[in-house]
Amino acid sequence: MIPLFMILFGSVFVALGGAAYTGLWRSWARNTSTNVILGLFWLGLAALAIGVSGVLADLMGGLSLLIAVVAIIATILGIVVLLGGAPRWLQPGWYRTAHGR
């Protein structure tokens, strides 16, 4: 039950953040700072990876461990972005161009 919730929860934030990263959803940049939308993308990716890792734990232990490492890295990036803002190398190219960074 929990892995399914994490997959659904993570998928929503990955979809929203993915749209922001690719430039399909740019209106957020007018009213919201980068640390909110982009940070939630990384935390959503972590939640998605945790859910997938939980589902695969009994089937494929090695792959589950690799996905858990992805979750840890995504969590660290999400916390860094949420608390300190997105560093230049984590900002989408269209955002850097539009804001002269």
PDB file of N, CA and C in Angstrom:
ATOM      1  N   MET A   1       0.817  -1.195   0.000  1.00  0.00           N
ATOM      2  CA  MET A   1       0.000   0.000   0.000  1.00  0.00           C
ATOM      3  C   MET A   1       0.865   1.264   0.000  1.00  0.00           C
ATOM      4  N   ILE A   2       1.881   1.286   0.872  1.00  0.00           N
ATOM      5  CA  ILE A   2       2.736   2.471   0.953  1.00  0.00           C
ATOM      6  C   ILE A   2       3.523   2.677  -0.338  1.00  0.00           C
ATOM      7  N   PRO A   3       4.114   1.629  -0.941  1.00  0.00           N
ATOM      8  CA  PRO A   3       4.814   1.879  -2.204  1.00  0.00           C
ATOM      9  C   PRO A   3       3.904   2.448  -3.291  1.00  0.00           C
ATOM     10  N   LEU A   4       2.660   1.992  -3.340  1.00  0.00           N
ATOM     11  CA  LEU A   4       1.726   2.512  -4.336  1.00  0.00           C
ATOM     12  C   LEU A   4       1.451   3.996  -4.091  1.00  0.00           C
ATOM     13  N   PHE A   5       1.248   4.362  -2.837  1.00  0.00           N
ATOM     14  CA  PHE A   5       1.035   5.776  -2.498  1.00  0.00           C
ATOM     15  C   PHE A   5       2.252   6.608  -2.887  1.00  0.00           C
ATOM     16  N   MET A   6       3.446   6.111  -2.589  1.00  0.00           N
ATOM     17  CA  MET A   6       4.670   6.852  -2.924  1.00  0.00           C
ATOM     18  C   MET A   6       4.820   7.003  -4.441  1.00  0.00           C
ATOM     19  N   ILE A   7       4.466   5.971  -5.188  1.00  0.00           N
ATOM     20  CA  ILE A   7       4.548   6.052  -6.641  1.00  0.00           C
ATOM     21  C   ILE A   7       3.564   7.091  -7.176  1.00  0.00           C
ATOM     22  N   LEU A   8       2.335   7.079  -6.674  1.00  0.00           N
ATOM     23  CA  LEU A   8       1.337   8.057  -7.127  1.00  0.00           C
ATOM     24  C   LEU A   8       1.730   9.476  -6.721  1.00  0.00           C
ATOM     25  N   PHE A   9       2.107   9.662  -5.473  1.00  0.00           N
ATOM     26  CA  PHE A   9       2.521  10.959  -4.948  1.00  0.00           C
ATOM     27  C   PHE A   9       3.723  11.493  -5.730  1.00  0.00           C
ATOM     28  N   GLY A  10       4.721  10.644  -5.905  1.00  0.00           N
ATOM     29  CA  GLY A  10       5.923  11.049  -6.630  1.00  0.00           C
ATOM     30  C   GLY A  10       5.648  11.363  -8.088  1.00  0.00           C
ATOM     31  N   SER A  11       4.769  10.596  -8.704  1.00  0.00           N
ATOM     32  CA  SER A  11       4.449  10.807 -10.119  1.00  0.00           C
ATOM     33  C   SER A  11       3.831  12.175 -10.369  1.00  0.00           C
ATOM     34  N   VAL A  12       2.987  12.629  -9.452  1.00  0.00           N
ATOM     35  CA  VAL A  12       2.365  13.948  -9.608  1.00  0.00           C
ATOM     36  C   VAL A  12       3.429  15.044  -9.594  1.00  0.00           C
ATOM     37  N   PHE A  13       4.329  14.984  -8.617  1.00  0.00           N
ATOM     38  CA  PHE A  13       5.353  16.026  -8.521  1.00  0.00           C
ATOM     39  C   PHE A  13       6.403  15.921  -9.622  1.00  0.00           C
ATOM     40  N   VAL A  14       6.708  14.705 -10.057  1.00  0.00           N
ATOM     41  CA  VAL A  14       7.643  14.550 -11.174  1.00  0.00           C
ATOM     42  C   VAL A  14       7.017  15.095 -12.459  1.00  0.00           C
ATOM     43  N   ALA A  15       5.724  14.868 -12.651  1.00  0.00           N
ATOM     44  CA  ALA A  15       5.047  15.387 -13.849  1.00  0.00           C
ATOM     45  C   ALA A  15       5.029  16.911 -13.849  1.00  0.00           C
ATOM     46  N   LEU A  16       4.688  17.513 -12.711  1.00  0.00           N
ATOM     47  CA  LEU A  16       4.670  18.982 -12.633  1.00  0.00           C
ATOM     48  C   LEU A  16       6.075  19.556 -12.778  1.00  0.00           C
ATOM     49  N   GLY A  17       7.022  18.996 -12.052  1.00  0.00           N
ATOM     50  CA  GLY A  17       8.402  19.477 -12.143  1.00  0.00           C
ATOM     51  C   GLY A  17       9.023  19.211 -13.502  1.00  0.00           C
ATOM     52  N   GLY A  18       8.680  18.070 -14.096  1.00  0.00           N
ATOM     53  CA  GLY A  18       9.181  17.758 -15.436  1.00  0.00           C
ATOM     54  C   GLY A  18       8.665  18.748 -16.466  1.00  0.00           C
ATOM     55  N   ALA A  19       7.399  19.145 -16.322  1.00  0.00           N
ATOM     56  CA  ALA A  19       6.841  20.158 -17.226  1.00  0.00           C
ATOM     57  C   ALA A  19       7.544  21.493 -17.023  1.00  0.00           C
ATOM     58  N   ALA A  20       7.905  21.804 -15.787  1.00  0.00           N
ATOM     59  CA  ALA A  20       8.629  23.049 -15.513  1.00  0.00           C
ATOM     60  C   ALA A  20      10.053  22.987 -16.070  1.00  0.00           C
ATOM     61  N   TYR A  21      10.732  21.854 -15.892  1.00  0.00           N
ATOM     62  CA  TYR A  21      12.101  21.708 -16.387  1.00  0.00           C
ATOM     63  C   TYR A  21      12.170  21.768 -17.908  1.00  0.00           C
ATOM     64  N   THR A  22      11.207  21.142 -18.582  1.00  0.00           N
ATOM     65  CA  THR A  22      11.248  21.103 -20.042  1.00  0.00           C
ATOM     66  C   THR A  22      10.743  22.383 -20.689  1.00  0.00           C
ATOM     67  N   GLY A  23      10.098  23.239 -19.900  1.00  0.00           N
ATOM     68  CA  GLY A  23       9.586  24.495 -20.442  1.00  0.00           C
ATOM     69  C   GLY A  23       8.145  24.418 -20.904  1.00  0.00           C
ATOM     70  N   LEU A  24       7.502  23.270 -20.739  1.00  0.00           N
ATOM     71  CA  LEU A  24       6.095  23.160 -21.123  1.00  0.00           C
ATOM     72  C   LEU A  24       5.212  23.989 -20.201  1.00  0.00           C
ATOM     73  N   TRP A  25       5.651  24.157 -18.965  1.00  0.00           N
ATOM     74  CA  TRP A  25       4.904  24.952 -17.985  1.00  0.00           C
ATOM     75  C   TRP A  25       5.836  26.049 -17.476  1.00  0.00           C
ATOM     76  N   ARG A  26       5.710  27.241 -18.067  1.00  0.00           N
ATOM     77  CA  ARG A  26       6.596  28.346 -17.715  1.00  0.00           C
ATOM     78  C   ARG A  26       5.940  29.410 -16.857  1.00  0.00           C
ATOM     79  N   SER A  27       4.636  29.389 -16.729  1.00  0.00           N
ATOM     80  CA  SER A  27       3.945  30.440 -15.997  1.00  0.00           C
ATOM     81  C   SER A  27       4.294  30.440 -14.507  1.00  0.00           C
ATOM     82  N   TRP A  28       4.772  29.318 -13.986  1.00  0.00           N
ATOM     83  CA  TRP A  28       5.142  29.265 -12.579  1.00  0.00           C
ATOM     84  C   TRP A  28       6.276  30.231 -12.267  1.00  0.00           C
ATOM     85  N   ALA A  29       7.125  30.519 -13.237  1.00  0.00           N
ATOM     86  CA  ALA A  29       8.310  31.351 -13.004  1.00  0.00           C
ATOM     87  C   ALA A  29       7.941  32.795 -12.693  1.00  0.00           C
ATOM     88  N   ARG A  30       6.737  33.224 -13.038  1.00  0.00           N
ATOM     89  CA  ARG A  30       6.320  34.595 -12.744  1.00  0.00           C
ATOM     90  C   ARG A  30       5.968  34.797 -11.278  1.00  0.00           C
ATOM     91  N   ASN A  31       5.397  33.798 -10.650  1.00  0.00           N
ATOM     92  CA  ASN A  31       4.874  33.955  -9.294  1.00  0.00           C
ATOM     93  C   ASN A  31       5.585  33.128  -8.228  1.00  0.00           C
ATOM     94  N   THR A  32       6.407  32.192  -8.631  1.00  0.00           N
ATOM     95  CA  THR A  32       7.002  31.256  -7.687  1.00  0.00           C
ATOM     96  C   THR A  32       8.504  31.219  -7.876  1.00  0.00           C
ATOM     97  N   SER A  33       9.233  31.085  -6.780  1.00  0.00           N
ATOM     98  CA  SER A  33      10.687  30.977  -6.901  1.00  0.00           C
ATOM     99  C   SER A  33      11.070  29.575  -7.359  1.00  0.00           C
ATOM    100  N   THR A  34      12.287  29.453  -7.849  1.00  0.00           N
ATOM    101  CA  THR A  34      12.736  28.160  -8.376  1.00  0.00           C
ATOM    102  C   THR A  34      12.787  27.088  -7.306  1.00  0.00           C
ATOM    103  N   ASN A  35      13.044  27.485  -6.078  1.00  0.00           N
ATOM    104  CA  ASN A  35      13.204  26.444  -5.066  1.00  0.00           C
ATOM    105  C   ASN A  35      11.912  25.687  -4.772  1.00  0.00           C
ATOM    106  N   VAL A  36      10.761  26.270  -5.020  1.00  0.00           N
ATOM    107  CA  VAL A  36       9.513  25.555  -4.725  1.00  0.00           C
ATOM    108  C   VAL A  36       9.241  24.494  -5.788  1.00  0.00           C
ATOM    109  N   ILE A  37       9.099  24.888  -7.025  1.00  0.00           N
ATOM    110  CA  ILE A  37       8.726  23.947  -8.091  1.00  0.00           C
ATOM    111  C   ILE A  37       9.831  22.932  -8.360  1.00  0.00           C
ATOM    112  N   LEU A  38      11.053  23.400  -8.500  1.00  0.00           N
ATOM    113  CA  LEU A  38      12.142  22.483  -8.826  1.00  0.00           C
ATOM    114  C   LEU A  38      12.480  21.594  -7.636  1.00  0.00           C
ATOM    115  N   GLY A  39      12.358  22.109  -6.426  1.00  0.00           N
ATOM    116  CA  GLY A  39      12.585  21.292  -5.236  1.00  0.00           C
ATOM    117  C   GLY A  39      11.563  20.182  -5.105  1.00  0.00           C
ATOM    118  N   LEU A  40      10.306  20.513  -5.401  1.00  0.00           N
ATOM    119  CA  LEU A  40       9.273  19.482  -5.344  1.00  0.00           C
ATOM    120  C   LEU A  40       9.466  18.415  -6.419  1.00  0.00           C
ATOM    121  N   PHE A  41      10.056  18.795  -7.551  1.00  0.00           N
ATOM    122  CA  PHE A  41      10.376  17.791  -8.576  1.00  0.00           C
ATOM    123  C   PHE A  41      11.345  16.757  -8.007  1.00  0.00           C
ATOM    124  N   TRP A  42      12.416  17.240  -7.363  1.00  0.00           N
ATOM    125  CA  TRP A  42      13.420  16.318  -6.834  1.00  0.00           C
ATOM    126  C   TRP A  42      12.870  15.466  -5.694  1.00  0.00           C
ATOM    127  N   LEU A  43      12.042  16.065  -4.832  1.00  0.00           N
ATOM    128  CA  LEU A  43      11.432  15.271  -3.763  1.00  0.00           C
ATOM    129  C   LEU A  43      10.403  14.288  -4.325  1.00  0.00           C
ATOM    130  N   GLY A  44       9.708  14.685  -5.380  1.00  0.00           N
ATOM    131  CA  GLY A  44       8.796  13.762  -6.052  1.00  0.00           C
ATOM    132  C   GLY A  44       9.529  12.600  -6.682  1.00  0.00           C
ATOM    133  N   LEU A  45      10.695  12.893  -7.273  1.00  0.00           N
ATOM    134  CA  LEU A  45      11.520  11.828  -7.843  1.00  0.00           C
ATOM    135  C   LEU A  45      11.984  10.876  -6.744  1.00  0.00           C
ATOM    136  N   ALA A  46      12.328  11.431  -5.591  1.00  0.00           N
ATOM    137  CA  ALA A  46      12.731  10.582  -4.466  1.00  0.00           C
ATOM    138  C   ALA A  46      11.569   9.695  -4.020  1.00  0.00           C
ATOM    139  N   ALA A  47      10.370  10.267  -3.902  1.00  0.00           N
ATOM    140  CA  ALA A  47       9.199   9.483  -3.497  1.00  0.00           C
ATOM    141  C   ALA A  47       8.896   8.387  -4.519  1.00  0.00           C
ATOM    142  N   LEU A  48       8.994   8.731  -5.788  1.00  0.00           N
ATOM    143  CA  LEU A  48       8.766   7.741  -6.844  1.00  0.00           C
ATOM    144  C   LEU A  48       9.792   6.611  -6.754  1.00  0.00           C
ATOM    145  N   ALA A  49      11.046   6.966  -6.554  1.00  0.00           N
ATOM    146  CA  ALA A  49      12.098   5.953  -6.451  1.00  0.00           C
ATOM    147  C   ALA A  49      11.911   5.082  -5.214  1.00  0.00           C
ATOM    148  N   ILE A  50      11.479   5.676  -4.104  1.00  0.00           N
ATOM    149  CA  ILE A  50      11.230   4.891  -2.889  1.00  0.00           C
ATOM    150  C   ILE A  50      10.100   3.899  -3.133  1.00  0.00           C
ATOM    151  N   GLY A  51       9.037   4.350  -3.789  1.00  0.00           N
ATOM    152  CA  GLY A  51       7.919   3.455  -4.087  1.00  0.00           C
ATOM    153  C   GLY A  51       8.323   2.311  -4.996  1.00  0.00           C
ATOM    154  N   VAL A  52       9.051   2.623  -6.054  1.00  0.00           N
ATOM    155  CA  VAL A  52       9.500   1.576  -6.986  1.00  0.00           C
ATOM    156  C   VAL A  52      10.467   0.628  -6.281  1.00  0.00           C
ATOM    157  N   SER A  53      11.352   1.178  -5.463  1.00  0.00           N
ATOM    158  CA  SER A  53      12.287   0.344  -4.716  1.00  0.00           C
ATOM    159  C   SER A  53      11.548  -0.604  -3.772  1.00  0.00           C
ATOM    160  N   GLY A  54      10.491  -0.101  -3.148  1.00  0.00           N
ATOM    161  CA  GLY A  54       9.694  -0.951  -2.259  1.00  0.00           C
ATOM    162  C   GLY A  54       9.001  -2.073  -2.992  1.00  0.00           C
ATOM    163  N   VAL A  55       8.513  -1.789  -4.187  1.00  0.00           N
ATOM    164  CA  VAL A  55       7.844  -2.824  -4.986  1.00  0.00           C
ATOM    165  C   VAL A  55       8.852  -3.880  -5.447  1.00  0.00           C
ATOM    166  N   LEU A  56      10.043  -3.439  -5.829  1.00  0.00           N
ATOM    167  CA  LEU A  56      11.047  -4.362  -6.358  1.00  0.00           C
ATOM    168  C   LEU A  56      11.872  -5.066  -5.288  1.00  0.00           C
ATOM    169  N   ALA A  57      11.718  -4.680  -4.030  1.00  0.00           N
ATOM    170  CA  ALA A  57      12.573  -5.218  -2.964  1.00  0.00           C
ATOM    171  C   ALA A  57      12.551  -6.744  -2.909  1.00  0.00           C
ATOM    172  N   ASP A  58      11.382  -7.333  -3.029  1.00  0.00           N
ATOM    173  CA  ASP A  58      11.285  -8.794  -2.953  1.00  0.00           C
ATOM    174  C   ASP A  58      11.655  -9.472  -4.265  1.00  0.00           C
ATOM    175  N   LEU A  59      11.466  -8.767  -5.382  1.00  0.00           N
ATOM    176  CA  LEU A  59      11.706  -9.384  -6.689  1.00  0.00           C
ATOM    177  C   LEU A  59      13.167  -9.305  -7.124  1.00  0.00           C
ATOM    178  N   MET A  60      13.718  -8.105  -7.055  1.00  0.00           N
ATOM    179  CA  MET A  60      15.085  -7.871  -7.519  1.00  0.00           C
ATOM    180  C   MET A  60      15.808  -6.983  -6.508  1.00  0.00           C
ATOM    181  N   GLY A  61      16.490  -7.599  -5.580  1.00  0.00           N
ATOM    182  CA  GLY A  61      17.142  -6.873  -4.502  1.00  0.00           C
ATOM    183  C   GLY A  61      18.204  -5.895  -4.976  1.00  0.00           C
ATOM    184  N   GLY A  62      19.032  -6.312  -5.934  1.00  0.00           N
ATOM    185  CA  GLY A  62      20.107  -5.445  -6.427  1.00  0.00           C
ATOM    186  C   GLY A  62      19.580  -4.192  -7.117  1.00  0.00           C
ATOM    187  N   LEU A  63      18.583  -4.359  -7.951  1.00  0.00           N
ATOM    188  CA  LEU A  63      17.980  -3.216  -8.639  1.00  0.00           C
ATOM    189  C   LEU A  63      17.270  -2.311  -7.644  1.00  0.00           C
ATOM    190  N   SER A  64      16.644  -2.924  -6.652  1.00  0.00           N
ATOM    191  CA  SER A  64      15.975  -2.155  -5.610  1.00  0.00           C
ATOM    192  C   SER A  64      16.977  -1.283  -4.849  1.00  0.00           C
ATOM    193  N   LEU A  65      18.146  -1.816  -4.577  1.00  0.00           N
ATOM    194  CA  LEU A  65      19.187  -1.057  -3.888  1.00  0.00           C
ATOM    195  C   LEU A  65      19.670   0.103  -4.741  1.00  0.00           C
ATOM    196  N   LEU A  66      19.849  -0.122  -6.025  1.00  0.00           N
ATOM    197  CA  LEU A  66      20.270   0.943  -6.935  1.00  0.00           C
ATOM    198  C   LEU A  66      19.233   2.059  -6.994  1.00  0.00           C
ATOM    199  N   ILE A  67      17.977   1.697  -7.049  1.00  0.00           N
ATOM    200  CA  ILE A  67      16.907   2.699  -7.076  1.00  0.00           C
ATOM    201  C   ILE A  67      16.840   3.442  -5.738  1.00  0.00           C
ATOM    202  N   ALA A  68      17.150   2.760  -4.646  1.00  0.00           N
ATOM    203  CA  ALA A  68      17.191   3.423  -3.339  1.00  0.00           C
ATOM    204  C   ALA A  68      18.305   4.464  -3.294  1.00  0.00           C
ATOM    205  N   VAL A  69      19.423   4.200  -3.934  1.00  0.00           N
ATOM    206  CA  VAL A  69      20.510   5.190  -4.014  1.00  0.00           C
ATOM    207  C   VAL A  69      20.049   6.408  -4.813  1.00  0.00           C
ATOM    208  N   VAL A  70      19.318   6.190  -5.885  1.00  0.00           N
ATOM    209  CA  VAL A  70      18.741   7.302  -6.652  1.00  0.00           C
ATOM    210  C   VAL A  70      17.821   8.124  -5.755  1.00  0.00           C
ATOM    211  N   ALA A  71      17.038   7.454  -4.927  1.00  0.00           N
ATOM    212  CA  ALA A  71      16.133   8.149  -4.008  1.00  0.00           C
ATOM    213  C   ALA A  71      16.908   9.009  -3.018  1.00  0.00           C
ATOM    214  N   ILE A  72      18.010   8.499  -2.518  1.00  0.00           N
ATOM    215  CA  ILE A  72      18.824   9.266  -1.567  1.00  0.00           C
ATOM    216  C   ILE A  72      19.398  10.508  -2.233  1.00  0.00           C
ATOM    217  N   ILE A  73      19.931  10.363  -3.434  1.00  0.00           N
ATOM    218  CA  ILE A  73      20.501  11.507  -4.157  1.00  0.00           C
ATOM    219  C   ILE A  73      19.414  12.530  -4.477  1.00  0.00           C
ATOM    220  N   ALA A  74      18.260  12.060  -4.930  1.00  0.00           N
ATOM    221  CA  ALA A  74      17.158  12.976  -5.247  1.00  0.00           C
ATOM    222  C   ALA A  74      16.664  13.696  -3.994  1.00  0.00           C
ATOM    223  N   THR A  75      16.651  13.008  -2.859  1.00  0.00           N
ATOM    224  CA  THR A  75      16.239  13.647  -1.609  1.00  0.00           C
ATOM    225  C   THR A  75      17.199  14.749  -1.217  1.00  0.00           C
ATOM    226  N   ILE A  76      18.481  14.480  -1.325  1.00  0.00           N
ATOM    227  CA  ILE A  76      19.486  15.502  -1.000  1.00  0.00           C
ATOM    228  C   ILE A  76      19.333  16.706  -1.922  1.00  0.00           C
ATOM    229  N   LEU A  77      19.176  16.466  -3.219  1.00  0.00           N
ATOM    230  CA  LEU A  77      18.983  17.575  -4.161  1.00  0.00           C
ATOM    231  C   LEU A  77      17.704  18.347  -3.852  1.00  0.00           C
ATOM    232  N   GLY A  78      16.636  17.635  -3.517  1.00  0.00           N
ATOM    233  CA  GLY A  78      15.371  18.294  -3.182  1.00  0.00           C
ATOM    234  C   GLY A  78      15.493  19.191  -1.966  1.00  0.00           C
ATOM    235  N   ILE A  79      16.169  18.715  -0.946  1.00  0.00           N
ATOM    236  CA  ILE A  79      16.351  19.525   0.266  1.00  0.00           C
ATOM    237  C   ILE A  79      17.221  20.735  -0.026  1.00  0.00           C
ATOM    238  N   VAL A  80      18.301  20.544  -0.781  1.00  0.00           N
ATOM    239  CA  VAL A  80      19.185  21.665  -1.135  1.00  0.00           C
ATOM    240  C   VAL A  80      18.420  22.725  -1.906  1.00  0.00           C
ATOM    241  N   VAL A  81      17.632  22.307  -2.883  1.00  0.00           N
ATOM    242  CA  VAL A  81      16.885  23.261  -3.708  1.00  0.00           C
ATOM    243  C   VAL A  81      15.782  23.942  -2.906  1.00  0.00           C
ATOM    244  N   LEU A  82      15.051  23.186  -2.092  1.00  0.00           N
ATOM    245  CA  LEU A  82      13.972  23.794  -1.299  1.00  0.00           C
ATOM    246  C   LEU A  82      14.502  24.798  -0.281  1.00  0.00           C
ATOM    247  N   LEU A  83      15.614  24.494   0.348  1.00  0.00           N
ATOM    248  CA  LEU A  83      16.124  25.372   1.402  1.00  0.00           C
ATOM    249  C   LEU A  83      17.000  26.502   0.883  1.00  0.00           C
ATOM    250  N   GLY A  84      17.752  26.246  -0.184  1.00  0.00           N
ATOM    251  CA  GLY A  84      18.711  27.251  -0.636  1.00  0.00           C
ATOM    252  C   GLY A  84      18.486  27.792  -2.029  1.00  0.00           C
ATOM    253  N   GLY A  85      17.473  27.333  -2.710  1.00  0.00           N
ATOM    254  CA  GLY A  85      17.259  27.747  -4.093  1.00  0.00           C
ATOM    255  C   GLY A  85      18.034  26.841  -5.035  1.00  0.00           C
ATOM    256  N   ALA A  86      17.617  26.841  -6.273  1.00  0.00           N
ATOM    257  CA  ALA A  86      18.246  25.961  -7.264  1.00  0.00           C
ATOM    258  C   ALA A  86      19.570  26.547  -7.732  1.00  0.00           C
ATOM    259  N   PRO A  87      20.666  25.796  -7.580  1.00  0.00           N
ATOM    260  CA  PRO A  87      21.928  26.283  -8.138  1.00  0.00           C
ATOM    261  C   PRO A  87      21.843  26.337  -9.660  1.00  0.00           C
ATOM    262  N   ARG A  88      22.710  27.112 -10.260  1.00  0.00           N
ATOM    263  CA  ARG A  88      22.670  27.326 -11.711  1.00  0.00           C
ATOM    264  C   ARG A  88      22.641  26.010 -12.485  1.00  0.00           C
ATOM    265  N   TRP A  89      23.410  25.047 -12.078  1.00  0.00           N
ATOM    266  CA  TRP A  89      23.495  23.793 -12.831  1.00  0.00           C
ATOM    267  C   TRP A  89      22.239  22.930 -12.691  1.00  0.00           C
ATOM    268  N   LEU A  90      21.344  23.276 -11.761  1.00  0.00           N
ATOM    269  CA  LEU A  90      20.078  22.559 -11.638  1.00  0.00           C
ATOM    270  C   LEU A  90      18.906  23.318 -12.239  1.00  0.00           C
ATOM    271  N   GLN A  91      19.143  24.528 -12.699  1.00  0.00           N
ATOM    272  CA  GLN A  91      18.070  25.317 -13.301  1.00  0.00           C
ATOM    273  C   GLN A  91      17.887  24.917 -14.758  1.00  0.00           C
ATOM    274  N   PRO A  92      16.644  24.926 -15.234  1.00  0.00           N
ATOM    275  CA  PRO A  92      16.424  24.614 -16.654  1.00  0.00           C
ATOM    276  C   PRO A  92      17.077  25.676 -17.544  1.00  0.00           C
ATOM    277  N   GLY A  93      17.510  25.254 -18.714  1.00  0.00           N
ATOM    278  CA  GLY A  93      18.167  26.174 -19.655  1.00  0.00           C
ATOM    279  C   GLY A  93      17.285  27.346 -20.041  1.00  0.00           C
ATOM    280  N   TRP A  94      15.996  27.106 -20.269  1.00  0.00           N
ATOM    281  CA  TRP A  94      15.101  28.197 -20.657  1.00  0.00           C
ATOM    282  C   TRP A  94      14.977  29.219 -19.537  1.00  0.00           C
ATOM    283  N   TYR A  95      15.059  28.768 -18.282  1.00  0.00           N
ATOM    284  CA  TYR A  95      14.937  29.674 -17.139  1.00  0.00           C
ATOM    285  C   TYR A  95      16.181  30.565 -17.028  1.00  0.00           C
ATOM    286  N   ARG A  96      17.348  29.959 -17.209  1.00  0.00           N
ATOM    287  CA  ARG A  96      18.596  30.739 -17.162  1.00  0.00           C
ATOM    288  C   ARG A  96      18.625  31.771 -18.268  1.00  0.00           C
ATOM    289  N   THR A  97      18.171  31.409 -19.455  1.00  0.00           N
ATOM    290  CA  THR A  97      18.142  32.328 -20.584  1.00  0.00           C
ATOM    291  C   THR A  97      17.154  33.467 -20.332  1.00  0.00           C
ATOM    292  N   ALA A  98      15.979  33.154 -19.834  1.00  0.00           N
ATOM    293  CA  ALA A  98      14.949  34.169 -19.603  1.00  0.00           C
ATOM    294  C   ALA A  98      15.325  35.147 -18.498  1.00  0.00           C
ATOM    295  N   HIS A  99      16.102  34.676 -17.520  1.00  0.00           N
ATOM    296  CA  HIS A  99      16.458  35.528 -16.393  1.00  0.00           C
ATOM    297  C   HIS A  99      17.899  36.020 -16.458  1.00  0.00           C
ATOM    298  N   GLY A 100      18.560  35.802 -17.573  1.00  0.00           N
ATOM    299  CA  GLY A 100      19.907  36.314 -17.782  1.00  0.00           C
ATOM    300  C   GLY A 100      20.930  35.743 -16.822  1.00  0.00           C
ATOM    301  N   ARG A 101      20.791  34.492 -16.470  1.00  0.00           N
ATOM    302  CA  ARG A 101      21.728  33.872 -15.521  1.00  0.00           C
ATOM    303  C   ARG A 101      22.654  32.924 -16.219  1.00  0.00           C
TER     304      ARG A 101
END
